[in-house]
C-alpha cells in the first residue's frame, strides 16, 4: 500500500498539465516525454495509469450525502432551486480525458508484455469519465484521441448525441473487461471492477432512458440487459461474496473496519494513520460543524419490521415515540443510526442520540469508529467506492425493469443482503400482488406488472447504500425529482416536556418554552428555535428548514447547465433545456 501512495504522489506531481487555449484537450500532458523512451516497461505503464485514480471520489465525496437520505441544517442548491448557469467550472472539466487519451495513443509504441491490461485500465477510466459527463450534461463531445492545439474544427465542434457517446462508453467497458487482469485488488482496477462499473453505468443509462421519455432516447432495454449480464457474470464468477459475522454487527463492521473487507469490497480508497492519510467521518457525525446530519423520517419509515412486514402499514407509524419505533426493525437501522443500547466501538457507555450532532434525531453511526479518531481529520478506516452489494442490487433492478426477474434471481441477489442481517427474503409474487402504497407515493413513475418488486428493490437499495452517495443519481435516473421539494422531517415528539430516548429511565431530551430549566443531565432544546415541531406545543415530527422554499424544475433540473465561458469559447455548444 505504501508503494501505491508513493507512486500516486510522484505521478501526481509529474503529470501536472500545462494550460491550453481553451482549457481543453489540445496539449500532451507530458510534453517533454518521448513516449518511445518513457513507455518501455510494464512498470512505466503502471506508473502512468496510477494518475488516473485521482478522479476517484474522496472520502467526503462518499459519505457526505445531502439530498433526501441524509439531511442537514442547510440545503444544497439543487434542493432550493437556486442553481444558476455558472460562468466557469460547473463540472465541465476535461483535463483527465487528455491524460487518458495520450496514454491510449502511445502505450503500444513499444511492444510490452502485459500492456493490454493497462490499455483496459485507461479505457475503463475513460468510460467512467464520460459516464460522469453524460449523467451531468446529457449530450457531450466525444473525443477519442488527443487534440492538436491548431485543430479548431475539433475544438469548436458541437456536442455529440448521448446515444453515440454511451455506445462508445459501452465499447470501452467491454474492451476493459476483455483485456484486464482478473487478480483481485481493492485498490487497483481489475476485470471485476470493470464488470461492476458496467453494471452501474448501464443500469443508470437504461433506467434514465426508460423513465425520461421527454428525451426520446432509444435502447433502454439494451442497456438494462447489459447491466444485468455484467452483474450476473460477476456473480457467477464466485469472486466476491457478502461480508457476514453476526446479524447485529456485520453491516456496521463492514464500514468501520480499518482495512476494507475484500470479501465484499471491490474497490476502496485507502487511508492510513501511519502514512498520515486521514478523512473526517467521525468528526462529521458527532459535531455541529457539518450541518448536524441525520436520516430523514421517510427513509427511517422505509426500514421493514424484523419479520419482513411493513412498518408503514401501522396507522400511527408517524407518531410512535423513538424508543418504540426502532424496536424489532431491520437490523441495518440500528447499525446506521444510534438506537437504544448504542455504544461506541471500544466502549461500554450507552449513548442516546445527541442533538448537537444531528438535526433530525436519527444520528448517523455508519462509518463511525472509536473515540480515538474523533478529532478533526483523524479517521482512517478505508472508504468503499464499490461493493458487491451494489452489484447484486444492480442485477435485481435491471432484471425487474426488463420484466425478466425471477424468484431465483432474487435468491442469488437480494436474499444475500437480507441473510446478512437475518431478515426474511423478498418474495416476488407477494411484492407484485400487494405493492407498498407508502413507496408508491414516493416513486410515482413506477407502473406495470413488476411495480411491487421494483418498489421493494428501491427500498432495499436506499437502505443498503445509504450514506454512500448513490441517492442523487438514483432520483435523477428514476425521474423522481419531486422528492426534493417535500418537507424534510425527523423523529416524533408529543410536545413540550421530558423524553427518555433509549428507554433506560433517564431523561435524555427536554423540550421547553420560556426559560431554560437548570437541572443538569438532559439535552435542552428550546421549541421554536433549537427544535421545530409540526404542531408547535402540540407536538409532531421535527421539521427541518421549513422556512426555506424548495423547488425542482422538472423541465430543467435533470441536467446541469453548460458554463457561460465554455459557450463563449465554443459557440457550437448549445445549452441544456430551460437553462438559457
Protein backbone atom coordinates (compact mmCIF):
# COMPACT_ATOMS: atom_id res chain seq x y z
CA UNK A 1 0.00 0.00 0.00
CA UNK A 2 2.82 2.38 0.83
CA UNK A 3 4.32 1.87 -2.63
CA UNK A 4 0.97 2.70 -4.21
CA UNK A 5 0.67 6.01 -2.40
CA UNK A 6 4.24 6.97 -3.18
CA UNK A 7 3.68 6.26 -6.86
CA UNK A 8 0.43 8.22 -6.84
CA UNK A 9 2.21 11.16 -5.24
CA UNK A 10 5.11 11.07 -7.70
CA UNK A 11 2.88 10.83 -10.73
CA UNK A 12 0.50 13.46 -9.42
CA UNK A 13 3.42 15.88 -9.32
CA UNK A 14 4.88 14.50 -12.54
CA UNK A 15 1.71 14.84 -14.63
CA UNK A 16 0.56 18.39 -13.91
CA UNK A 17 -0.88 19.61 -17.14
CA UNK A 18 0.00 22.90 -18.82
CA UNK A 19 -2.88 25.25 -19.50
CA UNK A 20 -4.21 25.36 -23.02
CA UNK A 21 -6.00 27.65 -25.40
CA UNK A 22 -9.46 26.53 -24.35
CA UNK A 23 -8.62 24.70 -21.12
CA UNK A 24 -9.37 21.57 -23.11
CA UNK A 25 -7.74 18.65 -24.87
CA UNK A 26 -5.11 20.25 -27.06
CA UNK A 27 -1.74 19.61 -25.36
CA UNK A 28 0.13 16.48 -24.44
CA UNK A 29 0.07 16.17 -20.66
CA UNK A 30 3.72 15.14 -20.62
CA UNK A 31 5.01 17.31 -23.44
CA UNK A 32 8.68 16.79 -22.58
CA UNK A 33 8.39 12.99 -22.51
CA UNK A 34 9.12 10.96 -25.61
CA UNK A 35 6.63 8.05 -25.50
CA UNK A 36 9.10 5.67 -27.12
CA UNK A 37 11.53 6.41 -24.31
CA UNK A 38 9.07 6.52 -21.43
CA UNK A 39 6.62 3.68 -22.21
CA UNK A 40 9.25 0.93 -22.27
CA UNK A 41 8.30 -1.36 -19.37
CA UNK A 42 5.16 -2.56 -17.70
CA UNK A 43 6.19 -0.53 -14.64
CA UNK A 44 6.16 2.61 -16.80
CA UNK A 45 2.60 1.81 -17.83
CA UNK A 46 1.59 1.19 -14.24
CA UNK A 47 3.19 4.42 -13.09
CA UNK A 48 1.39 6.47 -15.71
CA UNK A 49 -2.03 4.87 -15.19
CA UNK A 50 -1.78 5.39 -11.42
CA UNK A 51 -2.53 9.06 -12.10
CA UNK A 52 -5.99 8.10 -13.37
CA UNK A 53 -7.05 7.11 -9.83
CA UNK A 54 -7.02 10.75 -8.81
CA UNK A 55 -10.58 11.03 -10.18
CA UNK A 56 -11.91 8.55 -7.60
CA UNK A 57 -14.23 10.21 -5.06
CA UNK A 58 -12.74 11.49 -1.84
CA UNK A 59 -13.97 10.09 1.48
CA UNK A 60 -16.17 13.16 1.85
CA UNK A 61 -17.43 12.56 -1.67
CA UNK A 62 -18.67 9.17 -0.48
CA UNK A 63 -20.14 9.74 2.99
CA UNK A 64 -21.27 13.36 2.65
CA UNK A 65 -24.79 12.84 1.26
CA UNK A 66 -27.11 15.84 1.46
CA UNK A 67 -30.18 15.01 -0.60
CA UNK A 68 -33.24 13.33 0.94
CA UNK A 69 -31.48 10.43 2.68
CA UNK A 70 -29.25 12.46 4.98
CA UNK A 71 -30.42 15.98 5.75
CA UNK A 72 -28.66 18.88 7.43
CA UNK A 73 -29.20 22.36 8.79
CA UNK A 74 -28.51 23.82 5.33
CA UNK A 75 -29.84 22.80 1.92
CA UNK A 76 -27.81 22.44 -1.25
CA UNK A 77 -28.65 24.48 -4.35
CA UNK A 78 -30.36 21.59 -6.11
CA UNK A 79 -32.87 21.36 -3.25
CA UNK A 80 -33.60 25.07 -3.14
CA UNK A 81 -33.79 25.53 -6.91
CA UNK A 82 -31.26 28.35 -6.68
CA UNK A 83 -28.78 26.97 -9.18
CA UNK A 84 -27.69 29.36 -11.90
CA UNK A 85 -25.64 28.91 -15.04
CA UNK A 86 -22.03 29.18 -13.80
CA UNK A 87 -19.53 31.41 -15.55
CA UNK A 88 -16.96 28.61 -15.48
CA UNK A 89 -16.40 25.25 -13.80
CA UNK A 90 -19.69 23.53 -13.04
CA UNK A 91 -18.22 20.10 -13.75
CA UNK A 92 -17.29 20.93 -17.37
CA UNK A 93 -13.67 19.89 -16.85
CA UNK A 94 -11.87 17.76 -19.41
CA UNK A 95 -8.20 17.52 -18.48
CA UNK A 96 -8.41 13.93 -17.09
CA UNK A 97 -9.56 12.82 -20.56
CA UNK A 98 -6.50 14.36 -22.18
CA UNK A 99 -4.28 12.33 -19.85
CA UNK A 100 -6.14 9.12 -20.67
CA UNK A 101 -6.20 9.65 -24.43
CA UNK A 102 -2.49 10.49 -24.50
CA UNK A 103 -1.77 7.16 -22.87
CA UNK A 104 -4.03 5.25 -25.25
CA UNK A 105 -2.31 6.81 -28.26
CA UNK A 106 1.19 5.95 -27.04
CA UNK A 107 1.25 2.90 -24.77
CA UNK A 108 1.74 0.43 -27.63
CA UNK A 109 4.56 2.23 -29.41
CA UNK A 110 6.90 -0.26 -27.78
CA UNK A 111 5.87 -3.92 -27.57
CA UNK A 112 5.43 -4.56 -23.84
CA UNK A 113 4.12 -7.87 -22.42
CA UNK A 114 1.10 -7.15 -20.23
CA UNK A 115 0.30 -3.84 -21.91
CA UNK A 116 -3.25 -4.90 -22.77
CA UNK A 117 -4.24 -4.74 -19.09
CA UNK A 118 -3.19 -1.10 -18.84
CA UNK A 119 -4.98 -0.30 -22.07
CA UNK A 120 -8.06 -1.74 -20.36
CA UNK A 121 -7.42 0.39 -17.26
CA UNK A 122 -7.27 3.52 -19.43
CA UNK A 123 -10.42 2.67 -21.32
CA UNK A 124 -12.26 1.88 -18.07
CA UNK A 125 -11.30 5.28 -16.72
CA UNK A 126 -12.41 6.90 -19.97
CA UNK A 127 -15.77 5.15 -19.61
CA UNK A 128 -16.08 6.42 -16.02
CA UNK A 129 -15.10 9.92 -17.13
CA UNK A 130 -17.72 10.03 -19.87
CA UNK A 131 -20.39 8.46 -17.67
CA UNK A 132 -19.92 11.34 -15.25
CA UNK A 133 -20.20 13.85 -18.09
CA UNK A 134 -23.28 12.27 -19.67
CA UNK A 135 -25.09 11.84 -16.34
CA UNK A 136 -24.42 15.53 -15.65
CA UNK A 137 -24.94 17.16 -19.06
CA UNK A 138 -26.55 14.67 -21.44
CA UNK A 139 -25.02 15.25 -24.88
CA UNK A 140 -21.27 15.97 -24.77
CA UNK A 141 -18.48 15.98 -27.36
CA UNK A 142 -16.82 12.59 -27.77
CA UNK A 143 -13.04 12.78 -28.09
CA UNK A 144 -11.24 9.51 -28.66
CA UNK A 145 -7.77 10.99 -29.03
CA UNK A 146 -5.52 13.90 -28.13
CA UNK A 147 -6.39 17.10 -29.98
CA UNK A 148 -3.84 19.37 -31.60
CA UNK A 149 -3.92 23.00 -30.46
CA UNK A 150 -4.34 24.15 -34.06
CA UNK A 151 -7.31 21.88 -34.79
CA UNK A 152 -10.08 24.46 -34.45
CA UNK A 153 -12.62 22.17 -36.13
CA UNK A 154 -12.38 19.71 -33.22
CA UNK A 155 -12.00 22.32 -30.52
CA UNK A 156 -15.12 24.11 -31.75
CA UNK A 157 -17.36 21.17 -32.52
CA UNK A 158 -20.89 20.74 -31.14
CA UNK A 159 -21.97 18.15 -28.64
CA UNK A 160 -22.36 14.58 -29.85
CA UNK A 161 -25.65 12.77 -29.22
CA UNK A 162 -25.90 10.96 -25.91
CA UNK A 163 -26.59 7.74 -27.82
CA UNK A 164 -23.26 7.92 -29.66
CA UNK A 165 -21.30 8.75 -26.52
CA UNK A 166 -22.85 5.96 -24.45
CA UNK A 167 -22.30 3.41 -27.21
CA UNK A 168 -18.63 4.46 -27.11
CA UNK A 169 -18.63 4.12 -23.32
CA UNK A 170 -20.06 0.61 -23.68
CA UNK A 171 -17.29 -0.28 -26.13
CA UNK A 172 -14.67 0.98 -23.67
CA UNK A 173 -16.21 -1.09 -20.87
CA UNK A 174 -16.26 -4.23 -22.99
CA UNK A 175 -12.63 -3.71 -24.02
CA UNK A 176 -11.64 -3.28 -20.38
CA UNK A 177 -13.47 -6.45 -19.32
CA UNK A 178 -11.86 -8.45 -22.13
CA UNK A 179 -8.31 -7.23 -21.51
CA UNK A 180 -7.84 -6.52 -17.81
CA UNK A 181 -6.29 -8.85 -15.25
CA UNK A 182 -8.58 -10.90 -13.05
CA UNK A 183 -6.44 -10.84 -9.89
CA UNK A 184 -8.49 -9.34 -7.05
CA UNK A 185 -7.39 -5.98 -5.66
CA UNK A 186 -9.31 -3.48 -3.53
CA UNK A 187 -7.10 -0.57 -4.60
CA UNK A 188 -6.46 -1.21 -8.29
CA UNK A 189 -8.78 -1.69 -11.27
CA UNK A 190 -9.32 -5.27 -12.45
CA UNK A 191 -11.64 -7.16 -14.76
CA UNK A 192 -14.03 -7.49 -11.80
CA UNK A 193 -14.04 -3.74 -11.21
CA UNK A 194 -14.83 -3.21 -14.88
CA UNK A 195 -17.78 -5.62 -14.69
CA UNK A 196 -19.07 -3.85 -11.58
CA UNK A 197 -18.76 -0.45 -13.25
CA UNK A 198 -20.51 -1.76 -16.33
CA UNK A 199 -23.45 -2.88 -14.19
CA UNK A 200 -23.60 0.56 -12.54
CA UNK A 201 -23.25 2.62 -15.70
CA UNK A 202 -25.60 0.56 -17.86
CA UNK A 203 -28.27 0.44 -15.13
CA UNK A 204 -28.17 4.23 -14.90
CA UNK A 205 -28.43 4.67 -18.66
CA UNK A 206 -31.13 2.06 -19.12
CA UNK A 207 -33.41 3.43 -16.39
CA UNK A 208 -32.74 7.05 -17.45
CA UNK A 209 -33.87 6.23 -20.98
CA UNK A 210 -36.87 4.27 -19.72
CA UNK A 211 -38.23 6.94 -17.39
CA UNK A 212 -37.14 10.12 -19.19
CA UNK A 213 -39.38 9.76 -22.20
CA UNK A 214 -39.09 13.51 -22.82
CA UNK A 215 -35.63 12.95 -24.32
CA UNK A 216 -36.82 10.29 -26.80
CA UNK A 217 -33.80 8.08 -26.19
CA UNK A 218 -33.93 4.58 -27.70
CA UNK A 219 -32.25 1.47 -26.37
CA UNK A 220 -33.32 1.43 -22.72
CA UNK A 221 -33.70 -2.34 -22.73
CA UNK A 222 -30.31 -2.79 -24.40
CA UNK A 223 -28.55 -1.04 -21.55
CA UNK A 224 -30.62 -2.78 -18.89
CA UNK A 225 -29.72 -6.14 -20.43
CA UNK A 226 -26.03 -5.17 -20.50
CA UNK A 227 -26.25 -4.19 -16.81
CA UNK A 228 -27.86 -7.49 -15.85
CA UNK A 229 -25.39 -9.55 -17.90
CA UNK A 230 -22.33 -7.79 -16.44
CA UNK A 231 -23.64 -8.19 -12.89
CA UNK A 232 -24.50 -11.84 -13.48
CA UNK A 233 -21.06 -12.59 -14.91
CA UNK A 234 -19.51 -11.18 -11.75
CA UNK A 235 -21.99 -13.08 -9.55
CA UNK A 236 -21.40 -16.38 -11.33
CA UNK A 237 -17.61 -15.98 -11.10
CA UNK A 238 -17.79 -16.52 -7.32
CA UNK A 239 -15.06 -13.91 -6.85
CA UNK A 240 -16.94 -11.91 -4.22
CA UNK A 241 -19.49 -12.55 -1.51
CA UNK A 242 -21.34 -10.62 1.18
CA UNK A 243 -19.38 -10.00 4.37
CA UNK A 244 -21.01 -11.70 7.36
CA UNK A 245 -20.37 -12.14 11.06
CA UNK A 246 -23.46 -11.73 13.25
CA UNK A 247 -26.73 -10.10 12.11
CA UNK A 248 -26.42 -7.45 14.84
CA UNK A 249 -22.93 -6.28 13.84
CA UNK A 250 -21.94 -7.37 10.31
CA UNK A 251 -23.30 -4.38 8.40
CA UNK A 252 -21.67 -1.84 10.72
CA UNK A 253 -18.38 -3.77 10.80
CA UNK A 254 -18.14 -3.55 7.03
CA UNK A 255 -17.83 0.26 7.22
CA UNK A 256 -15.96 0.71 10.50
CA UNK A 257 -13.21 -1.73 9.55
CA UNK A 258 -9.80 -0.07 9.25
CA UNK A 259 -8.95 -2.25 6.23
CA UNK A 260 -11.51 -2.90 3.53
CA UNK A 261 -13.26 -6.26 3.81
CA UNK A 262 -12.12 -7.62 0.46
CA UNK A 263 -14.63 -10.45 0.56
CA UNK A 264 -17.22 -7.82 -0.42
CA UNK A 265 -15.41 -4.56 -1.19
CA UNK A 266 -14.42 -4.44 -4.85
CA UNK A 267 -12.72 -1.04 -4.83
CA UNK A 268 -11.82 1.26 -1.95
CA UNK A 269 -9.98 4.44 -1.09
CA UNK A 270 -7.17 3.51 1.27
CA UNK A 271 -6.48 5.54 4.40
CA UNK A 272 -3.68 5.11 6.90
CA UNK A 273 -2.67 6.76 10.14
CA UNK A 274 0.92 5.60 9.59
CA UNK A 275 1.03 7.36 6.21
CA UNK A 276 -0.93 10.35 7.60
CA UNK A 277 -3.75 9.87 5.13
CA UNK A 278 -6.94 10.65 7.02
CA UNK A 279 -10.55 11.65 6.49
CA UNK A 280 -13.17 13.27 8.68
CA UNK A 281 -16.18 10.99 9.10
CA UNK A 282 -16.11 10.72 12.92
CA UNK A 283 -15.90 14.47 13.39
CA UNK A 284 -18.58 14.94 10.73
CA UNK A 285 -21.09 12.83 12.64
CA UNK A 286 -20.50 13.97 16.22
CA UNK A 287 -20.11 17.76 15.95
CA UNK A 288 -22.28 20.64 14.81
CA UNK A 289 -19.66 21.77 12.30
CA UNK A 290 -21.02 19.88 9.28
CA UNK A 291 -24.72 20.62 9.45
CA UNK A 292 -25.68 18.08 12.13
CA UNK A 293 -26.51 15.31 9.62
CA UNK A 294 -29.31 12.84 10.29
CA UNK A 295 -31.50 10.39 8.44
CA UNK A 296 -34.75 11.76 7.08
CA UNK A 297 -38.01 10.37 8.50
CA UNK A 298 -39.28 8.82 5.25
CA UNK A 299 -36.11 6.76 5.00
CA UNK A 300 -36.43 5.59 8.61
CA UNK A 301 -40.05 4.67 7.88
CA UNK A 302 -38.85 2.56 4.94
CA UNK A 303 -36.98 0.04 7.11
CA UNK A 304 -39.10 -3.08 7.42
CA UNK A 305 -40.03 -4.74 10.68
CA UNK A 306 -37.79 -7.66 11.57
CA UNK A 307 -40.42 -10.17 10.47
CA UNK A 308 -40.40 -8.63 6.98
CA UNK A 309 -43.71 -6.75 7.32
CA UNK A 310 -44.04 -3.06 6.51
CA UNK A 311 -43.62 -0.55 9.33
CA UNK A 312 -45.79 1.95 7.45
CA UNK A 313 -48.78 -0.42 7.40
CA UNK A 314 -49.39 0.70 11.00
CA UNK A 315 -51.91 3.52 11.18
CA UNK A 316 -49.84 5.52 13.68
CA UNK A 317 -46.39 4.96 12.12
CA UNK A 318 -45.55 8.69 12.16
CA UNK A 319 -46.41 9.22 15.83
CA UNK A 320 -44.62 6.32 17.51
CA UNK A 321 -42.03 7.51 20.07
CA UNK A 322 -38.41 6.91 19.09
CA UNK A 323 -37.60 4.15 21.60
CA UNK A 324 -40.57 2.18 20.29
CA UNK A 325 -40.31 2.90 16.58
CA UNK A 326 -36.80 1.48 16.30
CA UNK A 327 -37.62 -1.78 18.07
CA UNK A 328 -37.83 -5.02 16.06
CA UNK A 329 -36.76 -3.39 12.80
CA UNK A 330 -34.39 -4.44 10.03
CA UNK A 331 -31.06 -4.64 11.94
CA UNK A 332 -29.44 -2.32 9.44
CA UNK A 333 -31.33 0.55 11.09
CA UNK A 334 -29.55 0.09 14.43
CA UNK A 335 -26.27 -0.25 12.50
CA UNK A 336 -26.84 3.03 10.65
CA UNK A 337 -28.12 5.31 13.44
CA UNK A 338 -27.96 5.45 17.25
CA UNK A 339 -30.74 3.36 18.77
CA UNK A 340 -31.32 2.29 22.39
CA UNK A 341 -28.29 0.48 23.76
CA UNK A 342 -25.84 2.00 21.28
CA UNK A 343 -22.21 2.13 22.39
CA UNK A 344 -19.17 3.46 20.58
CA UNK A 345 -16.67 0.90 19.30
CA UNK A 346 -14.31 0.05 22.17
CA UNK A 347 -16.64 1.49 24.81
CA UNK A 348 -19.42 0.20 27.07
CA UNK A 349 -21.08 3.57 27.71
CA UNK A 350 -24.59 3.65 26.26
CA UNK A 351 -25.30 6.79 24.25
CA UNK A 352 -28.67 8.20 23.15
CA UNK A 353 -28.93 10.40 20.05
CA UNK A 354 -27.12 13.72 20.58
CA UNK A 355 -28.98 16.69 19.10
CA UNK A 356 -25.80 18.74 18.98
CA UNK A 357 -24.73 16.33 16.22
CA UNK A 358 -28.00 15.61 14.40
CA UNK A 359 -30.86 17.84 13.32
CA UNK A 360 -33.38 15.03 12.81
CA UNK A 361 -32.57 12.97 15.92
CA UNK A 362 -31.62 9.99 13.78
CA UNK A 363 -27.88 10.27 14.38
CA UNK A 364 -25.52 8.53 11.98
CA UNK A 365 -23.12 5.80 13.08
CA UNK A 366 -22.29 4.24 9.72
CA UNK A 367 -18.51 4.57 9.13
CA UNK A 368 -18.00 5.83 12.72
CA UNK A 369 -15.09 4.20 14.55
CA UNK A 370 -13.68 4.52 18.09
CA UNK A 371 -13.26 7.77 20.01
CA UNK A 372 -9.54 7.72 19.18
CA UNK A 373 -10.43 9.07 15.73
CA UNK A 374 -12.87 11.77 16.90
CA UNK A 375 -10.56 14.75 16.38
CA UNK A 376 -10.74 16.80 13.22
CA UNK A 377 -9.48 14.85 10.17
CA UNK A 378 -8.25 11.80 12.09
CA UNK A 379 -10.43 8.96 10.78
CA UNK A 380 -8.53 6.37 8.78
CA UNK A 381 -10.90 3.49 8.05
CA UNK A 382 -10.96 2.60 4.37
CA UNK A 383 -13.81 4.13 2.36
CA UNK A 384 -15.52 1.71 -0.08
CA UNK A 385 -16.04 3.07 -3.60
CA UNK A 386 -17.71 -0.08 -4.90
CA UNK A 387 -19.20 -3.07 -3.09
CA UNK A 388 -20.50 -6.42 -4.24
CA UNK A 389 -23.78 -5.49 -2.54
CA UNK A 390 -24.31 -2.80 -5.18
CA UNK A 391 -23.71 -5.30 -7.98
CA UNK A 392 -26.40 -7.59 -6.51
CA UNK A 393 -28.82 -4.66 -6.36
CA UNK A 394 -27.94 -3.60 -9.91
CA UNK A 395 -28.63 -7.13 -11.13
CA UNK A 396 -32.03 -7.39 -9.44
CA UNK A 397 -33.14 -3.91 -10.52
CA UNK A 398 -32.09 -4.34 -14.14
CA UNK A 399 -33.93 -7.66 -14.40
CA UNK A 400 -37.02 -6.19 -12.72
CA UNK A 401 -37.07 -3.22 -15.09
CA UNK A 402 -36.72 -5.59 -18.05
CA UNK A 403 -39.59 -7.71 -16.76
CA UNK A 404 -37.43 -10.84 -16.61
CA UNK A 405 -36.80 -11.05 -12.85
CA UNK A 406 -37.48 -14.44 -11.28
CA UNK A 407 -37.56 -15.62 -7.68
CA UNK A 408 -34.32 -17.47 -8.42
CA UNK A 409 -32.75 -14.12 -9.40
CA UNK A 410 -33.85 -12.62 -6.08
CA UNK A 411 -32.50 -15.65 -4.22
CA UNK A 412 -28.98 -15.06 -5.56
CA UNK A 413 -29.02 -11.27 -5.09
CA UNK A 414 -31.36 -9.57 -2.62
CA UNK A 415 -31.51 -12.64 -0.39
CA UNK A 416 -27.78 -12.39 0.32
CA UNK A 417 -28.23 -8.85 1.67
CA UNK A 418 -31.20 -9.91 3.78
CA UNK A 419 -29.36 -13.00 5.06
CA UNK A 420 -26.52 -10.84 6.37
CA UNK A 421 -28.90 -9.29 8.89
CA UNK A 422 -31.24 -12.29 9.34
CA UNK A 423 -34.14 -10.65 7.51
CA UNK A 424 -36.74 -12.69 5.59
CA UNK A 425 -36.17 -12.98 1.86
CA UNK A 426 -38.03 -10.80 -0.65
CA UNK A 427 -40.91 -12.64 -2.30
CA UNK A 428 -41.52 -11.69 -5.94
CA UNK A 429 -45.13 -12.82 -6.20
CA UNK A 430 -46.13 -11.26 -2.88
CA UNK A 431 -44.46 -7.93 -3.70
CA UNK A 432 -46.22 -7.64 -7.05
CA UNK A 433 -49.56 -8.77 -5.62
CA UNK A 434 -49.51 -6.04 -2.97
CA UNK A 435 -47.31 -3.03 -3.91
CA UNK A 436 -46.44 -0.85 -0.92
CA UNK A 437 -48.64 2.28 -1.10
CA UNK A 438 -46.13 4.23 1.01
CA UNK A 439 -43.35 3.65 -1.51
CA UNK A 440 -45.71 4.08 -4.46
CA UNK A 441 -46.48 7.57 -3.18
CA UNK A 442 -42.79 8.42 -3.43
CA UNK A 443 -41.84 6.67 -6.69
CA UNK A 444 -44.64 7.90 -8.92
CA UNK A 445 -43.14 6.81 -12.23
CA UNK A 446 -43.24 3.08 -11.42
CA UNK A 447 -46.03 1.13 -13.09
CA UNK A 448 -46.75 -2.22 -14.69
CA UNK A 449 -46.78 -5.83 -13.61
CA UNK A 450 -43.48 -5.54 -11.74
CA UNK A 451 -44.41 -2.38 -9.85
CA UNK A 452 -44.39 -4.05 -6.44
CA UNK A 453 -40.99 -5.69 -6.75
CA UNK A 454 -39.39 -2.60 -8.32
CA UNK A 455 -40.57 -0.62 -5.30
CA UNK A 456 -39.14 -3.24 -2.94
CA UNK A 457 -35.78 -3.26 -4.74
CA UNK A 458 -35.68 0.53 -4.43
CA UNK A 459 -36.38 0.18 -0.72
CA UNK A 460 -33.53 -2.30 -0.44
CA UNK A 461 -31.17 -0.10 -2.43
CA UNK A 462 -31.90 3.01 -0.37
CA UNK A 463 -31.35 1.19 2.92
CA UNK A 464 -28.29 -0.83 1.91
CA UNK A 465 -26.44 2.03 0.19
CA UNK A 466 -27.39 4.98 2.39
CA UNK A 467 -24.56 7.43 3.09
CA UNK A 468 -22.59 6.11 0.10
CA UNK A 469 -23.74 8.92 -2.25
CA UNK A 470 -25.91 6.94 -4.66
CA UNK A 471 -29.16 8.70 -3.92
CA UNK A 472 -28.86 11.71 -6.22
CA UNK A 473 -28.08 9.64 -9.30
CA UNK A 474 -30.91 7.27 -8.37
CA UNK A 475 -33.50 10.03 -8.16
CA UNK A 476 -32.21 11.59 -11.37
CA UNK A 477 -32.40 8.38 -13.39
CA UNK A 478 -35.80 7.41 -11.93
CA UNK A 479 -37.23 10.89 -12.71
CA UNK A 480 -38.33 11.39 -9.10
CA UNK A 481 -37.00 14.92 -8.56
CA UNK A 482 -40.27 15.91 -6.88
CA UNK A 483 -38.95 14.25 -3.72
CA UNK A 484 -36.52 17.14 -3.35
CA UNK A 485 -39.43 19.54 -2.83
CA UNK A 486 -41.03 17.70 0.08
CA UNK A 487 -40.64 18.90 3.65
CA UNK A 488 -37.78 17.08 5.38
CA UNK A 489 -38.65 15.73 8.81
CA UNK A 490 -37.14 13.98 11.81
CA UNK A 491 -38.31 11.97 14.83
CA UNK A 492 -41.61 12.44 16.62
CA UNK A 493 -42.16 14.30 19.93
CA UNK A 494 -45.57 14.70 21.56
CA UNK A 495 -44.82 18.27 22.64
CA UNK A 496 -43.09 20.14 25.45
CA UNK A 497 -41.58 18.01 28.21
CA UNK A 498 -39.00 15.33 29.08
CA UNK A 499 -38.15 12.36 26.85
CA UNK A 500 -36.31 9.14 27.54
CA UNK A 501 -34.97 8.25 24.09
CA UNK A 502 -33.29 4.98 24.95
CA UNK A 503 -35.77 3.61 27.49
CA UNK A 504 -33.33 3.42 30.40
CA UNK A 505 -35.48 5.51 32.75
CA UNK A 506 -33.32 8.65 32.41
CA UNK A 507 -34.41 11.84 30.67
CA UNK A 508 -32.25 12.37 27.57
CA UNK A 509 -34.01 15.33 25.92
CA UNK A 510 -36.15 18.07 27.41
CA UNK A 511 -38.14 20.30 25.05
CA UNK A 512 -39.06 23.58 26.70
CA UNK A 513 -40.53 27.01 26.13
CA UNK A 514 -39.72 30.15 28.05
CA UNK A 515 -36.80 29.94 30.48
CA UNK A 516 -34.33 27.09 30.12
CA UNK A 517 -34.54 24.59 33.01
CA UNK A 518 -31.49 24.41 35.27
CA UNK A 519 -31.47 20.71 36.09
CA UNK A 520 -28.29 19.08 34.80
CA UNK A 521 -28.26 15.99 32.63
CA UNK A 522 -30.70 16.20 29.71
CA UNK A 523 -30.17 17.91 26.38
CA UNK A 524 -32.36 21.03 26.48
CA UNK A 525 -33.99 22.07 23.21
CA UNK A 526 -36.00 25.27 23.02
CA UNK A 527 -39.15 24.84 20.98
CA UNK A 528 -39.35 27.26 18.09
CA UNK A 529 -35.60 27.87 17.83
CA UNK A 530 -33.48 24.83 18.69
CA UNK A 531 -36.19 22.42 17.58
CA UNK A 532 -39.24 22.89 15.37
CA UNK A 533 -42.25 20.56 15.59
CA UNK A 534 -45.10 20.27 13.08
CA UNK A 535 -47.77 21.40 15.52
CA UNK A 536 -45.73 23.53 17.91
CA UNK A 537 -46.54 22.82 21.54
CA UNK A 538 -48.96 20.11 20.38
CA UNK A 539 -46.01 18.13 19.05
CA UNK A 540 -45.39 16.27 15.83
CA UNK A 541 -42.42 15.36 13.70
CA UNK A 542 -39.32 17.55 13.69
CA UNK A 543 -39.34 20.00 10.79
CA UNK A 544 -36.02 20.69 9.06
CA UNK A 545 -35.68 24.13 7.46
CA UNK A 546 -39.42 24.72 6.92
CA UNK A 547 -38.70 28.40 6.24
CA UNK A 548 -36.63 27.61 3.13
CA UNK A 549 -38.63 27.16 -0.06
CA UNK A 550 -37.68 24.07 -2.05
CA UNK A 551 -38.05 23.84 -5.80
CA UNK A 552 -37.33 21.37 -8.56
CA UNK A 553 -37.94 22.24 -12.20
CA UNK A 554 -38.96 19.02 -13.97
CA UNK A 555 -38.22 20.61 -17.36
CA UNK A 556 -34.68 21.65 -16.44
CA UNK A 557 -33.07 20.18 -13.35
CA UNK A 558 -32.34 16.62 -14.50
CA UNK A 559 -29.37 18.00 -16.45
CA UNK A 560 -26.75 20.55 -15.42
CA UNK A 561 -26.11 23.78 -17.33
CA UNK A 562 -23.06 24.31 -19.52
CA UNK A 563 -20.96 27.22 -18.17
CA UNK A 564 -21.17 30.61 -19.87
CA UNK A 565 -17.44 30.79 -20.57
CA UNK A 566 -17.39 27.44 -22.37
CA UNK A 567 -20.14 28.53 -24.75
CA UNK A 568 -18.35 31.80 -25.40
CA UNK A 569 -15.18 29.91 -26.29
CA UNK A 570 -17.12 27.39 -28.37
CA UNK A 571 -20.32 28.87 -29.86
CA UNK A 572 -21.23 25.44 -31.27
CA UNK A 573 -22.13 24.24 -27.77
CA UNK A 574 -25.87 24.53 -27.28
CA UNK A 575 -27.33 24.93 -23.79
CA UNK A 576 -29.42 22.34 -21.99
CA UNK A 577 -33.21 22.87 -21.97
CA UNK A 578 -34.51 25.85 -19.98
CA UNK A 579 -31.05 26.91 -18.74
CA UNK A 580 -30.82 29.83 -21.17
